[in-house]
Amino acid sequence: MSEFEHFLSQEDEKAIVAAIKEAEKNTSGEIRVHIEAHTDFDHYEYAQEVFANLGMHKTELRNGVLIYIAVNDHRFVILGDEGINNVVADDFWEQTKNIMQGHFLKGDFKTGIVEGILQAGQELKAHFPYQSDDIDELSNEISKSS
């Protein structure tokens, strides 16, 4: 069996979806997690393609965040849309990536992903606070391709 098949348990996935819901509760921003086994393409460029395929660029305020993970490649990318990228500190995504990577290096992938989601959620909340007419524009479920 590949690393991909054992990357997250069902309980881990539930915790990640719960973190997405928690992070999005206080913001109009949208967070998605996409996990796949491997890509032959540049990971950053491919994450941009996944971002588009998931329709993340269609949020009203362009404030979507994608956490893309290629399990067997041991690579991940955090990608923010232009709305959030225009307001976060220049090193915000790098700081978030470092937090996640610290957990990943210990083999604690669930905690790394959850921490990345919550970090992104705090920043989204600061710049895009929840409004009474906000709707959840994107699915909170983890998307996957093997």
N, C-alpha and C. Protein backbone atom coordinates (compact mmCIF):
# COMPACT_ATOMS: atom_id res chain seq x y z
N MET A 1 0.83 -1.19 0.00
CA MET A 1 0.00 0.00 0.00
C MET A 1 0.88 1.25 0.00
N SER A 2 0.42 2.27 -0.66
CA SER A 2 1.19 3.50 -0.78
C SER A 2 0.99 4.39 0.45
N GLU A 3 1.85 5.38 0.59
CA GLU A 3 1.72 6.36 1.66
C GLU A 3 0.36 7.06 1.58
N PHE A 4 -0.10 7.28 0.37
CA PHE A 4 -1.36 7.99 0.14
C PHE A 4 -2.51 7.29 0.85
N GLU A 5 -2.55 5.96 0.74
CA GLU A 5 -3.67 5.20 1.31
C GLU A 5 -3.67 5.25 2.84
N HIS A 6 -2.53 5.50 3.45
CA HIS A 6 -2.43 5.53 4.90
C HIS A 6 -2.16 6.93 5.45
N PHE A 7 -2.28 7.93 4.61
CA PHE A 7 -1.91 9.29 5.01
C PHE A 7 -2.77 9.81 6.16
N LEU A 8 -4.08 9.67 6.02
CA LEU A 8 -5.01 10.15 7.06
C LEU A 8 -6.04 9.06 7.34
N SER A 9 -6.39 8.93 8.60
CA SER A 9 -7.47 8.03 8.97
C SER A 9 -8.80 8.76 8.76
N GLN A 10 -9.90 8.02 8.86
CA GLN A 10 -11.21 8.65 8.75
C GLN A 10 -11.41 9.67 9.88
N GLU A 11 -10.90 9.34 11.07
CA GLU A 11 -10.99 10.27 12.19
C GLU A 11 -10.17 11.54 11.93
N ASP A 12 -8.99 11.37 11.32
CA ASP A 12 -8.17 12.53 10.95
C ASP A 12 -8.93 13.43 9.98
N GLU A 13 -9.55 12.81 8.98
CA GLU A 13 -10.29 13.58 7.99
C GLU A 13 -11.45 14.33 8.63
N LYS A 14 -12.15 13.70 9.57
CA LYS A 14 -13.25 14.37 10.27
C LYS A 14 -12.73 15.58 11.05
N ALA A 15 -11.56 15.42 11.68
CA ALA A 15 -10.97 16.53 12.44
C ALA A 15 -10.58 17.69 11.51
N ILE A 16 -10.11 17.37 10.33
CA ILE A 16 -9.73 18.40 9.36
C ILE A 16 -10.96 19.15 8.86
N VAL A 17 -12.02 18.42 8.53
CA VAL A 17 -13.26 19.06 8.09
C VAL A 17 -13.83 19.92 9.22
N ALA A 18 -13.76 19.43 10.46
CA ALA A 18 -14.23 20.22 11.61
C ALA A 18 -13.41 21.50 11.75
N ALA A 19 -12.10 21.42 11.50
CA ALA A 19 -11.24 22.61 11.57
C ALA A 19 -11.62 23.61 10.49
N ILE A 20 -11.93 23.12 9.30
CA ILE A 20 -12.37 24.01 8.21
C ILE A 20 -13.65 24.73 8.63
N LYS A 21 -14.61 23.98 9.16
CA LYS A 21 -15.87 24.59 9.59
C LYS A 21 -15.64 25.61 10.69
N GLU A 22 -14.77 25.28 11.63
CA GLU A 22 -14.45 26.20 12.73
C GLU A 22 -13.79 27.48 12.19
N ALA A 23 -12.82 27.31 11.29
CA ALA A 23 -12.11 28.47 10.74
C ALA A 23 -13.04 29.36 9.92
N GLU A 24 -13.97 28.74 9.20
CA GLU A 24 -14.86 29.51 8.33
C GLU A 24 -16.04 30.13 9.09
N LYS A 25 -16.24 29.71 10.33
CA LYS A 25 -17.37 30.19 11.12
C LYS A 25 -17.30 31.70 11.34
N ASN A 26 -16.11 32.26 11.37
CA ASN A 26 -15.93 33.67 11.70
C ASN A 26 -15.45 34.51 10.52
N THR A 27 -15.59 33.99 9.31
CA THR A 27 -15.09 34.72 8.14
C THR A 27 -15.92 34.39 6.91
N SER A 28 -15.83 35.27 5.93
CA SER A 28 -16.44 34.98 4.64
C SER A 28 -15.47 34.19 3.76
N GLY A 29 -14.25 34.00 4.23
CA GLY A 29 -13.24 33.27 3.47
C GLY A 29 -13.57 31.80 3.34
N GLU A 30 -12.94 31.16 2.39
CA GLU A 30 -13.15 29.74 2.10
C GLU A 30 -11.82 29.01 2.13
N ILE A 31 -11.81 27.85 2.78
CA ILE A 31 -10.60 27.04 2.87
C ILE A 31 -10.91 25.64 2.33
N ARG A 32 -10.03 25.15 1.49
CA ARG A 32 -10.16 23.78 0.96
C ARG A 32 -8.85 23.05 1.17
N VAL A 33 -8.94 21.74 1.31
CA VAL A 33 -7.78 20.86 1.38
C VAL A 33 -7.92 19.86 0.24
N HIS A 34 -6.86 19.73 -0.56
CA HIS A 34 -6.83 18.75 -1.64
C HIS A 34 -5.62 17.85 -1.44
N ILE A 35 -5.86 16.54 -1.46
CA ILE A 35 -4.80 15.56 -1.24
C ILE A 35 -4.77 14.60 -2.41
N GLU A 36 -3.56 14.35 -2.89
CA GLU A 36 -3.40 13.34 -3.93
C GLU A 36 -2.09 12.61 -3.73
N ALA A 37 -1.94 11.52 -4.43
CA ALA A 37 -0.75 10.69 -4.26
C ALA A 37 0.49 11.36 -4.85
N HIS A 38 0.39 11.81 -6.11
CA HIS A 38 1.58 12.24 -6.84
C HIS A 38 1.17 13.09 -8.03
N THR A 39 2.06 13.98 -8.42
CA THR A 39 1.90 14.68 -9.69
C THR A 39 3.25 14.72 -10.39
N ASP A 40 3.20 14.67 -11.70
CA ASP A 40 4.43 14.78 -12.50
C ASP A 40 4.76 16.25 -12.79
N PHE A 41 3.89 17.16 -12.38
CA PHE A 41 4.04 18.56 -12.70
C PHE A 41 4.66 19.33 -11.54
N ASP A 42 5.07 20.56 -11.79
CA ASP A 42 5.54 21.45 -10.74
C ASP A 42 4.40 21.59 -9.73
N HIS A 43 4.72 21.40 -8.45
CA HIS A 43 3.68 21.35 -7.43
C HIS A 43 2.93 22.68 -7.29
N TYR A 44 3.63 23.79 -7.34
CA TYR A 44 2.97 25.08 -7.23
C TYR A 44 2.04 25.33 -8.41
N GLU A 45 2.53 25.06 -9.60
CA GLU A 45 1.71 25.27 -10.80
C GLU A 45 0.51 24.33 -10.80
N TYR A 46 0.73 23.10 -10.36
CA TYR A 46 -0.37 22.15 -10.33
C TYR A 46 -1.40 22.56 -9.26
N ALA A 47 -0.93 23.08 -8.13
CA ALA A 47 -1.86 23.56 -7.10
C ALA A 47 -2.73 24.68 -7.66
N GLN A 48 -2.16 25.53 -8.50
CA GLN A 48 -2.95 26.58 -9.14
C GLN A 48 -4.05 25.99 -10.02
N GLU A 49 -3.72 24.90 -10.71
CA GLU A 49 -4.71 24.22 -11.55
C GLU A 49 -5.82 23.61 -10.68
N VAL A 50 -5.44 22.97 -9.59
CA VAL A 50 -6.42 22.40 -8.66
C VAL A 50 -7.31 23.51 -8.10
N PHE A 51 -6.71 24.63 -7.73
CA PHE A 51 -7.43 25.80 -7.23
C PHE A 51 -8.53 26.19 -8.22
N ALA A 52 -8.17 26.29 -9.48
CA ALA A 52 -9.13 26.66 -10.52
C ALA A 52 -10.18 25.57 -10.71
N ASN A 53 -9.76 24.31 -10.74
CA ASN A 53 -10.70 23.20 -10.93
C ASN A 53 -11.72 23.10 -9.81
N LEU A 54 -11.33 23.50 -8.60
CA LEU A 54 -12.25 23.48 -7.46
C LEU A 54 -13.13 24.74 -7.42
N GLY A 55 -12.92 25.65 -8.37
CA GLY A 55 -13.73 26.87 -8.44
C GLY A 55 -13.42 27.87 -7.35
N MET A 56 -12.23 27.78 -6.78
CA MET A 56 -11.89 28.63 -5.65
C MET A 56 -11.71 30.09 -6.04
N HIS A 57 -11.46 30.35 -7.29
CA HIS A 57 -11.30 31.72 -7.77
C HIS A 57 -12.66 32.41 -7.98
N LYS A 58 -13.74 31.68 -7.74
CA LYS A 58 -15.07 32.23 -7.97
C LYS A 58 -15.71 32.79 -6.71
N THR A 59 -14.97 32.81 -5.60
CA THR A 59 -15.56 33.39 -4.39
C THR A 59 -15.71 34.90 -4.60
N GLU A 60 -16.75 35.45 -4.01
CA GLU A 60 -17.07 36.86 -4.23
C GLU A 60 -15.91 37.80 -3.90
N LEU A 61 -15.23 37.55 -2.79
CA LEU A 61 -14.16 38.45 -2.35
C LEU A 61 -12.77 37.92 -2.70
N ARG A 62 -12.72 36.86 -3.48
CA ARG A 62 -11.44 36.26 -3.91
C ARG A 62 -10.57 35.96 -2.68
N ASN A 63 -11.19 35.32 -1.69
CA ASN A 63 -10.52 35.05 -0.42
C ASN A 63 -10.47 33.56 -0.09
N GLY A 64 -10.26 32.75 -1.11
CA GLY A 64 -10.12 31.32 -0.91
C GLY A 64 -8.67 30.94 -0.61
N VAL A 65 -8.50 29.88 0.18
CA VAL A 65 -7.18 29.35 0.52
C VAL A 65 -7.20 27.85 0.26
N LEU A 66 -6.23 27.38 -0.50
CA LEU A 66 -6.09 25.95 -0.78
C LEU A 66 -4.83 25.42 -0.11
N ILE A 67 -4.99 24.31 0.59
CA ILE A 67 -3.85 23.55 1.08
C ILE A 67 -3.79 22.30 0.20
N TYR A 68 -2.77 22.25 -0.64
CA TYR A 68 -2.58 21.15 -1.60
C TYR A 68 -1.44 20.26 -1.10
N ILE A 69 -1.69 18.95 -1.06
CA ILE A 69 -0.68 18.02 -0.58
C ILE A 69 -0.52 16.87 -1.57
N ALA A 70 0.72 16.66 -2.01
CA ALA A 70 1.08 15.50 -2.85
C ALA A 70 1.83 14.53 -1.93
N VAL A 71 1.12 13.55 -1.41
CA VAL A 71 1.61 12.69 -0.32
C VAL A 71 2.89 11.96 -0.68
N ASN A 72 2.88 11.22 -1.77
CA ASN A 72 4.05 10.40 -2.12
C ASN A 72 5.25 11.25 -2.53
N ASP A 73 5.00 12.49 -2.92
CA ASP A 73 6.08 13.40 -3.32
C ASP A 73 6.67 14.14 -2.10
N HIS A 74 5.99 14.05 -0.97
CA HIS A 74 6.40 14.77 0.25
C HIS A 74 6.47 16.27 -0.01
N ARG A 75 5.43 16.80 -0.67
CA ARG A 75 5.37 18.22 -1.02
C ARG A 75 3.98 18.76 -0.71
N PHE A 76 3.94 20.03 -0.31
CA PHE A 76 2.65 20.69 -0.14
C PHE A 76 2.78 22.16 -0.48
N VAL A 77 1.64 22.75 -0.83
CA VAL A 77 1.58 24.15 -1.25
C VAL A 77 0.38 24.78 -0.56
N ILE A 78 0.56 25.99 -0.07
CA ILE A 78 -0.56 26.79 0.43
C ILE A 78 -0.76 27.91 -0.57
N LEU A 79 -1.96 27.99 -1.10
CA LEU A 79 -2.24 28.95 -2.16
C LEU A 79 -3.43 29.82 -1.77
N GLY A 80 -3.22 31.12 -1.70
CA GLY A 80 -4.29 32.06 -1.40
C GLY A 80 -4.68 32.82 -2.66
N ASP A 81 -5.96 33.14 -2.76
CA ASP A 81 -6.44 33.93 -3.90
C ASP A 81 -6.02 35.39 -3.72
N GLU A 82 -6.24 36.19 -4.74
CA GLU A 82 -5.72 37.56 -4.73
C GLU A 82 -6.29 38.42 -3.62
N GLY A 83 -7.54 38.20 -3.22
CA GLY A 83 -8.13 39.01 -2.16
C GLY A 83 -7.39 38.86 -0.85
N ILE A 84 -7.09 37.64 -0.47
CA ILE A 84 -6.36 37.41 0.78
C ILE A 84 -4.88 37.73 0.61
N ASN A 85 -4.32 37.40 -0.53
CA ASN A 85 -2.89 37.69 -0.75
C ASN A 85 -2.59 39.18 -0.70
N ASN A 86 -3.56 40.00 -1.08
CA ASN A 86 -3.34 41.45 -1.08
C ASN A 86 -3.30 42.05 0.32
N VAL A 87 -3.76 41.31 1.34
CA VAL A 87 -3.84 41.91 2.67
C VAL A 87 -2.98 41.22 3.74
N VAL A 88 -2.48 40.03 3.46
CA VAL A 88 -1.65 39.35 4.47
C VAL A 88 -0.21 39.86 4.39
N ALA A 89 0.52 39.68 5.49
CA ALA A 89 1.94 40.03 5.51
C ALA A 89 2.68 39.20 4.46
N ASP A 90 3.75 39.76 3.93
CA ASP A 90 4.49 39.09 2.86
C ASP A 90 4.95 37.69 3.24
N ASP A 91 5.24 37.47 4.51
CA ASP A 91 5.76 36.17 4.93
C ASP A 91 4.69 35.28 5.59
N PHE A 92 3.42 35.68 5.52
CA PHE A 92 2.38 34.93 6.21
C PHE A 92 2.29 33.48 5.75
N TRP A 93 2.25 33.24 4.45
CA TRP A 93 2.11 31.87 3.96
C TRP A 93 3.35 31.04 4.30
N GLU A 94 4.51 31.67 4.26
CA GLU A 94 5.75 30.95 4.62
C GLU A 94 5.72 30.57 6.10
N GLN A 95 5.24 31.47 6.96
CA GLN A 95 5.11 31.15 8.39
C GLN A 95 4.14 30.01 8.61
N THR A 96 3.03 30.05 7.90
CA THR A 96 2.03 28.99 8.02
C THR A 96 2.61 27.66 7.54
N LYS A 97 3.32 27.72 6.43
CA LYS A 97 3.96 26.51 5.90
C LYS A 97 4.96 25.94 6.91
N ASN A 98 5.71 26.79 7.57
CA ASN A 98 6.69 26.32 8.56
C ASN A 98 6.01 25.64 9.74
N ILE A 99 4.89 26.17 10.19
CA ILE A 99 4.14 25.55 11.28
C ILE A 99 3.69 24.15 10.85
N MET A 100 3.12 24.07 9.67
CA MET A 100 2.65 22.78 9.18
C MET A 100 3.81 21.79 9.01
N GLN A 101 4.88 22.27 8.43
CA GLN A 101 6.03 21.40 8.15
C GLN A 101 6.62 20.84 9.44
N GLY A 102 6.62 21.64 10.51
CA GLY A 102 7.12 21.15 11.79
C GLY A 102 6.36 19.91 12.25
N HIS A 103 5.06 19.92 12.08
CA HIS A 103 4.24 18.75 12.44
C HIS A 103 4.45 17.61 11.45
N PHE A 104 4.53 17.95 10.17
CA PHE A 104 4.72 16.92 9.14
C PHE A 104 6.02 16.15 9.37
N LEU A 105 7.08 16.86 9.74
CA LEU A 105 8.37 16.21 9.96
C LEU A 105 8.31 15.19 11.10
N LYS A 106 7.36 15.38 12.02
CA LYS A 106 7.16 14.44 13.13
C LYS A 106 6.18 13.33 12.75
N GLY A 107 5.66 13.38 11.52
CA GLY A 107 4.68 12.40 11.09
C GLY A 107 3.26 12.70 11.54
N ASP A 108 3.03 13.89 12.09
CA ASP A 108 1.71 14.27 12.59
C ASP A 108 1.02 15.14 11.54
N PHE A 109 0.52 14.48 10.52
CA PHE A 109 -0.04 15.19 9.37
C PHE A 109 -1.37 15.86 9.70
N LYS A 110 -2.20 15.17 10.47
CA LYS A 110 -3.49 15.75 10.84
C LYS A 110 -3.28 17.08 11.58
N THR A 111 -2.43 17.08 12.59
CA THR A 111 -2.21 18.31 13.36
C THR A 111 -1.63 19.41 12.48
N GLY A 112 -0.71 19.06 11.61
CA GLY A 112 -0.13 20.04 10.70
C GLY A 112 -1.18 20.70 9.83
N ILE A 113 -2.05 19.88 9.26
CA ILE A 113 -3.11 20.42 8.39
C ILE A 113 -4.08 21.27 9.21
N VAL A 114 -4.49 20.76 10.36
CA VAL A 114 -5.43 21.51 11.22
C VAL A 114 -4.82 22.84 11.62
N GLU A 115 -3.56 22.86 12.03
CA GLU A 115 -2.90 24.11 12.42
C GLU A 115 -2.84 25.09 11.24
N GLY A 116 -2.53 24.58 10.05
CA GLY A 116 -2.51 25.44 8.86
C GLY A 116 -3.88 26.05 8.58
N ILE A 117 -4.92 25.23 8.71
CA ILE A 117 -6.30 25.70 8.50
C ILE A 117 -6.65 26.78 9.51
N LEU A 118 -6.37 26.52 10.77
CA LEU A 118 -6.72 27.49 11.82
C LEU A 118 -5.94 28.79 11.68
N GLN A 119 -4.67 28.68 11.28
CA GLN A 119 -3.84 29.88 11.06
C GLN A 119 -4.44 30.71 9.91
N ALA A 120 -4.78 30.04 8.82
CA ALA A 120 -5.40 30.74 7.69
C ALA A 120 -6.73 31.34 8.10
N GLY A 121 -7.50 30.59 8.90
CA GLY A 121 -8.80 31.08 9.36
C GLY A 121 -8.69 32.34 10.20
N GLN A 122 -7.68 32.42 11.05
CA GLN A 122 -7.47 33.62 11.87
C GLN A 122 -7.18 34.83 10.99
N GLU A 123 -6.36 34.63 9.98
CA GLU A 123 -6.02 35.73 9.08
C GLU A 123 -7.23 36.13 8.24
N LEU A 124 -7.99 35.14 7.79
CA LEU A 124 -9.21 35.45 7.04
C LEU A 124 -10.20 36.22 7.91
N LYS A 125 -10.34 35.80 9.16
CA LYS A 125 -11.25 36.48 10.09
C LYS A 125 -10.84 37.94 10.28
N ALA A 126 -9.54 38.19 10.38
CA ALA A 126 -9.05 39.56 10.59
C ALA A 126 -9.36 40.47 9.41
N HIS A 127 -9.29 39.93 8.21
CA HIS A 127 -9.45 40.77 7.01
C HIS A 127 -10.82 40.63 6.34
N PHE A 128 -11.47 39.50 6.58
CA PHE A 128 -12.77 39.23 5.95
C PHE A 128 -13.73 38.68 7.00
N PRO A 129 -14.11 39.50 7.99
CA PRO A 129 -14.97 39.00 9.07
C PRO A 129 -16.32 38.53 8.54
N TYR A 130 -16.89 37.61 9.27
CA TYR A 130 -18.19 37.06 8.92
C TYR A 130 -19.25 38.16 8.89
N GLN A 131 -20.07 38.14 7.88
CA GLN A 131 -21.20 39.06 7.76
C GLN A 131 -22.48 38.23 7.82
N SER A 132 -23.55 38.82 8.28
CA SER A 132 -24.80 38.07 8.46
C SER A 132 -25.34 37.47 7.17
N ASP A 133 -24.96 38.03 6.02
CA ASP A 133 -25.46 37.50 4.76
C ASP A 133 -24.46 36.58 4.06
N ASP A 134 -23.37 36.21 4.75
CA ASP A 134 -22.38 35.31 4.16
C ASP A 134 -22.97 33.92 3.94
N ILE A 135 -22.54 33.31 2.86
CA ILE A 135 -22.91 31.92 2.60
C ILE A 135 -21.64 31.12 2.42
N ASP A 136 -21.71 29.85 2.73
CA ASP A 136 -20.57 28.95 2.53
C ASP A 136 -20.51 28.65 1.04
N GLU A 137 -19.56 29.27 0.34
CA GLU A 137 -19.53 29.20 -1.11
C GLU A 137 -18.92 27.90 -1.65
N LEU A 138 -18.09 27.23 -0.85
CA LEU A 138 -17.41 26.03 -1.32
C LEU A 138 -17.54 24.90 -0.30
N SER A 139 -17.44 23.69 -0.79
CA SER A 139 -17.51 22.51 0.07
C SER A 139 -16.39 22.53 1.11
N ASN A 140 -16.67 21.99 2.28
CA ASN A 140 -15.65 21.87 3.32
C ASN A 140 -14.97 20.50 3.29
N GLU A 141 -15.47 19.62 2.46
CA GLU A 141 -14.92 18.27 2.38
C GLU A 141 -13.54 18.28 1.74
N ILE A 142 -12.71 17.33 2.12
CA ILE A 142 -11.38 17.16 1.53
C ILE A 142 -11.57 16.60 0.13
N SER A 143 -10.95 17.21 -0.85
CA SER A 143 -10.99 16.64 -2.20
C SER A 143 -9.73 15.79 -2.37
N LYS A 144 -9.87 14.73 -3.17
CA LYS A 144 -8.77 13.78 -3.35
C LYS A 144 -8.70 13.32 -4.79
N SER A 145 -7.50 12.99 -5.20
CA SER A 145 -7.28 12.23 -6.43
C SER A 145 -6.07 11.34 -6.20
N SER A 146 -6.17 10.14 -6.68
CA SER A 146 -5.06 9.20 -6.47
C SER A 146 -4.30 9.04 -7.75
